Amino acid sequence: TCGNGFKRLTRDSSLFLAYFLVLNGIPDGSSDDFSPVHR
């Protein structure tokens, strides 16, 4: 189960990083759909 924990940690980290980038308004066409905060 140690491998599963590592996979989950990596996934959560990548999701957090993506969310962080979206909140910072990275100029990307796809990010507009996920950042209603900037509208």
PDB file of N, CA and C in Angstrom:
ATOM      1  N   THR A   1       0.830  -1.210   0.000  1.00  0.00           N
ATOM      2  CA  THR A   1       0.000   0.000   0.000  1.00  0.00           C
ATOM      3  C   THR A   1       0.863   1.258   0.000  1.00  0.00           C
ATOM      4  N   CYS A   2       2.164   1.078   0.199  1.00  0.00           N
ATOM      5  CA  CYS A   2       3.054   2.233   0.196  1.00  0.00           C
ATOM      6  C   CYS A   2       3.089   2.870  -1.195  1.00  0.00           C
ATOM      7  N   GLY A   3       3.037   2.004  -2.232  1.00  0.00           N
ATOM      8  CA  GLY A   3       3.036   2.527  -3.599  1.00  0.00           C
ATOM      9  C   GLY A   3       1.767   3.312  -3.879  1.00  0.00           C
ATOM     10  N   ASN A   4       0.619   2.805  -3.373  1.00  0.00           N
ATOM     11  CA  ASN A   4      -0.639   3.510  -3.580  1.00  0.00           C
ATOM     12  C   ASN A   4      -0.621   4.869  -2.906  1.00  0.00           C
ATOM     13  N   GLY A   5      -0.043   4.921  -1.721  1.00  0.00           N
ATOM     14  CA  GLY A   5       0.043   6.195  -1.005  1.00  0.00           C
ATOM     15  C   GLY A   5       0.881   7.197  -1.776  1.00  0.00           C
ATOM     16  N   PHE A   6       1.957   6.710  -2.378  1.00  0.00           N
ATOM     17  CA  PHE A   6       2.823   7.592  -3.157  1.00  0.00           C
ATOM     18  C   PHE A   6       2.096   8.097  -4.402  1.00  0.00           C
ATOM     19  N   LYS A   7       1.344   7.203  -5.052  1.00  0.00           N
ATOM     20  CA  LYS A   7       0.588   7.604  -6.246  1.00  0.00           C
ATOM     21  C   LYS A   7      -0.442   8.664  -5.886  1.00  0.00           C
ATOM     22  N   ARG A   8      -1.115   8.449  -4.756  1.00  0.00           N
ATOM     23  CA  ARG A   8      -2.137   9.400  -4.343  1.00  0.00           C
ATOM     24  C   ARG A   8      -1.511  10.746  -4.000  1.00  0.00           C
ATOM     25  N   LEU A   9      -0.358  10.708  -3.347  1.00  0.00           N
ATOM     26  CA  LEU A   9       0.325  11.942  -2.983  1.00  0.00           C
ATOM     27  C   LEU A   9       0.748  12.701  -4.238  1.00  0.00           C
ATOM     28  N   THR A  10       1.247  11.977  -5.225  1.00  0.00           N
ATOM     29  CA  THR A  10       1.668  12.607  -6.479  1.00  0.00           C
ATOM     30  C   THR A  10       0.477  13.217  -7.195  1.00  0.00           C
ATOM     31  N   ARG A  11      -0.644  12.485  -7.211  1.00  0.00           N
ATOM     32  CA  ARG A  11      -1.843  12.990  -7.878  1.00  0.00           C
ATOM     33  C   ARG A  11      -2.358  14.239  -7.184  1.00  0.00           C
ATOM     34  N   ASP A  12      -2.423  14.209  -5.850  1.00  0.00           N
ATOM     35  CA  ASP A  12      -2.906  15.365  -5.103  1.00  0.00           C
ATOM     36  C   ASP A  12      -1.998  16.565  -5.318  1.00  0.00           C
ATOM     37  N   SER A  13      -0.688  16.312  -5.377  1.00  0.00           N
ATOM     38  CA  SER A  13       0.263  17.400  -5.575  1.00  0.00           C
ATOM     39  C   SER A  13       0.084  18.024  -6.954  1.00  0.00           C
ATOM     40  N   SER A  14      -0.120  17.181  -7.973  1.00  0.00           N
ATOM     41  CA  SER A  14      -0.286  17.699  -9.326  1.00  0.00           C
ATOM     42  C   SER A  14      -1.596  18.473  -9.450  1.00  0.00           C
ATOM     43  N   LEU A  15      -2.646  17.992  -8.786  1.00  0.00           N
ATOM     44  CA  LEU A  15      -3.918  18.704  -8.807  1.00  0.00           C
ATOM     45  C   LEU A  15      -3.788  20.051  -8.118  1.00  0.00           C
ATOM     46  N   PHE A  16      -3.087  20.070  -6.987  1.00  0.00           N
ATOM     47  CA  PHE A  16      -2.872  21.312  -6.256  1.00  0.00           C
ATOM     48  C   PHE A  16      -2.064  22.291  -7.097  1.00  0.00           C
ATOM     49  N   LEU A  17      -1.044  21.775  -7.783  1.00  0.00           N
ATOM     50  CA  LEU A  17      -0.207  22.626  -8.624  1.00  0.00           C
ATOM     51  C   LEU A  17      -1.023  23.203  -9.777  1.00  0.00           C
ATOM     52  N   ALA A  18      -1.852  22.375 -10.398  1.00  0.00           N
ATOM     53  CA  ALA A  18      -2.690  22.848 -11.497  1.00  0.00           C
ATOM     54  C   ALA A  18      -3.663  23.918 -11.002  1.00  0.00           C
ATOM     55  N   TYR A  19      -4.275  23.689  -9.836  1.00  0.00           N
ATOM     56  CA  TYR A  19      -5.201  24.648  -9.245  1.00  0.00           C
ATOM     57  C   TYR A  19      -4.491  25.956  -8.931  1.00  0.00           C
ATOM     58  N   PHE A  20      -3.270  25.853  -8.413  1.00  0.00           N
ATOM     59  CA  PHE A  20      -2.470  27.023  -8.079  1.00  0.00           C
ATOM     60  C   PHE A  20      -2.154  27.837  -9.332  1.00  0.00           C
ATOM     61  N   LEU A  21      -1.785  27.145 -10.409  1.00  0.00           N
ATOM     62  CA  LEU A  21      -1.471  27.835 -11.663  1.00  0.00           C
ATOM     63  C   LEU A  21      -2.706  28.518 -12.233  1.00  0.00           C
ATOM     64  N   VAL A  22      -3.847  27.847 -12.157  1.00  0.00           N
ATOM     65  CA  VAL A  22      -5.093  28.422 -12.668  1.00  0.00           C
ATOM     66  C   VAL A  22      -5.456  29.684 -11.891  1.00  0.00           C
ATOM     67  N   LEU A  23      -5.307  29.634 -10.571  1.00  0.00           N
ATOM     68  CA  LEU A  23      -5.638  30.798  -9.758  1.00  0.00           C
ATOM     69  C   LEU A  23      -4.724  31.973 -10.063  1.00  0.00           C
ATOM     70  N   ASN A  24      -3.510  31.683 -10.500  1.00  0.00           N
ATOM     71  CA  ASN A  24      -2.573  32.751 -10.828  1.00  0.00           C
ATOM     72  C   ASN A  24      -2.752  33.262 -12.254  1.00  0.00           C
ATOM     73  N   GLY A  25      -3.737  32.709 -12.966  1.00  0.00           N
ATOM     74  CA  GLY A  25      -4.056  33.235 -14.288  1.00  0.00           C
ATOM     75  C   GLY A  25      -2.999  32.957 -15.333  1.00  0.00           C
ATOM     76  N   ILE A  26      -2.515  31.714 -15.380  1.00  0.00           N
ATOM     77  CA  ILE A  26      -1.568  31.353 -16.426  1.00  0.00           C
ATOM     78  C   ILE A  26      -2.268  31.489 -17.784  1.00  0.00           C
ATOM     79  N   PRO A  27      -1.671  32.226 -18.726  1.00  0.00           N
ATOM     80  CA  PRO A  27      -2.291  32.422 -20.036  1.00  0.00           C
ATOM     81  C   PRO A  27      -2.396  31.113 -20.814  1.00  0.00           C
ATOM     82  N   ASP A  28      -3.521  30.443 -20.666  1.00  0.00           N
ATOM     83  CA  ASP A  28      -3.743  29.193 -21.381  1.00  0.00           C
ATOM     84  C   ASP A  28      -5.218  29.130 -21.778  1.00  0.00           C
ATOM     85  N   GLY A  29      -5.505  28.753 -22.994  1.00  0.00           N
ATOM     86  CA  GLY A  29      -6.890  28.747 -23.475  1.00  0.00           C
ATOM     87  C   GLY A  29      -7.781  27.824 -22.664  1.00  0.00           C
ATOM     88  N   SER A  30      -7.245  26.680 -22.227  1.00  0.00           N
ATOM     89  CA  SER A  30      -8.063  25.707 -21.511  1.00  0.00           C
ATOM     90  C   SER A  30      -8.315  26.133 -20.068  1.00  0.00           C
ATOM     91  N   SER A  31      -7.444  26.989 -19.518  1.00  0.00           N
ATOM     92  CA  SER A  31      -7.576  27.358 -18.111  1.00  0.00           C
ATOM     93  C   SER A  31      -8.771  28.282 -17.878  1.00  0.00           C
ATOM     94  N   ASP A  32      -9.255  28.949 -18.936  1.00  0.00           N
ATOM     95  CA  ASP A  32     -10.378  29.867 -18.779  1.00  0.00           C
ATOM     96  C   ASP A  32     -11.632  29.139 -18.299  1.00  0.00           C
ATOM     97  N   ASP A  33     -11.804  27.892 -18.731  1.00  0.00           N
ATOM     98  CA  ASP A  33     -12.985  27.137 -18.347  1.00  0.00           C
ATOM     99  C   ASP A  33     -12.962  26.753 -16.871  1.00  0.00           C
ATOM    100  N   PHE A  34     -11.772  26.731 -16.278  1.00  0.00           N
ATOM    101  CA  PHE A  34     -11.648  26.288 -14.895  1.00  0.00           C
ATOM    102  C   PHE A  34     -11.396  27.442 -13.933  1.00  0.00           C
ATOM    103  N   SER A  35     -11.398  28.690 -14.435  1.00  0.00           N
ATOM    104  CA  SER A  35     -11.126  29.821 -13.553  1.00  0.00           C
ATOM    105  C   SER A  35     -12.205  30.894 -13.674  1.00  0.00           C
ATOM    106  N   PRO A  36     -13.410  30.624 -13.142  1.00  0.00           N
ATOM    107  CA  PRO A  36     -14.486  31.626 -13.180  1.00  0.00           C
ATOM    108  C   PRO A  36     -14.152  32.842 -12.340  1.00  0.00           C
ATOM    109  N   VAL A  37     -13.124  32.734 -11.501  1.00  0.00           N
ATOM    110  CA  VAL A  37     -12.722  33.818 -10.617  1.00  0.00           C
ATOM    111  C   VAL A  37     -12.248  35.023 -11.419  1.00  0.00           C
ATOM    112  N   HIS A  38     -11.732  34.794 -12.620  1.00  0.00           N
ATOM    113  CA  HIS A  38     -11.184  35.886 -13.419  1.00  0.00           C
ATOM    114  C   HIS A  38     -12.239  36.544 -14.299  1.00  0.00           C
ATOM    115  N   ARG A  39     -13.460  35.984 -14.313  1.00  0.00           N
ATOM    116  CA  ARG A  39     -14.499  36.553 -15.180  1.00  0.00           C
ATOM    117  C   ARG A  39     -15.187  37.721 -14.497  1.00  0.00           C
TER     118      ARG A  39
END
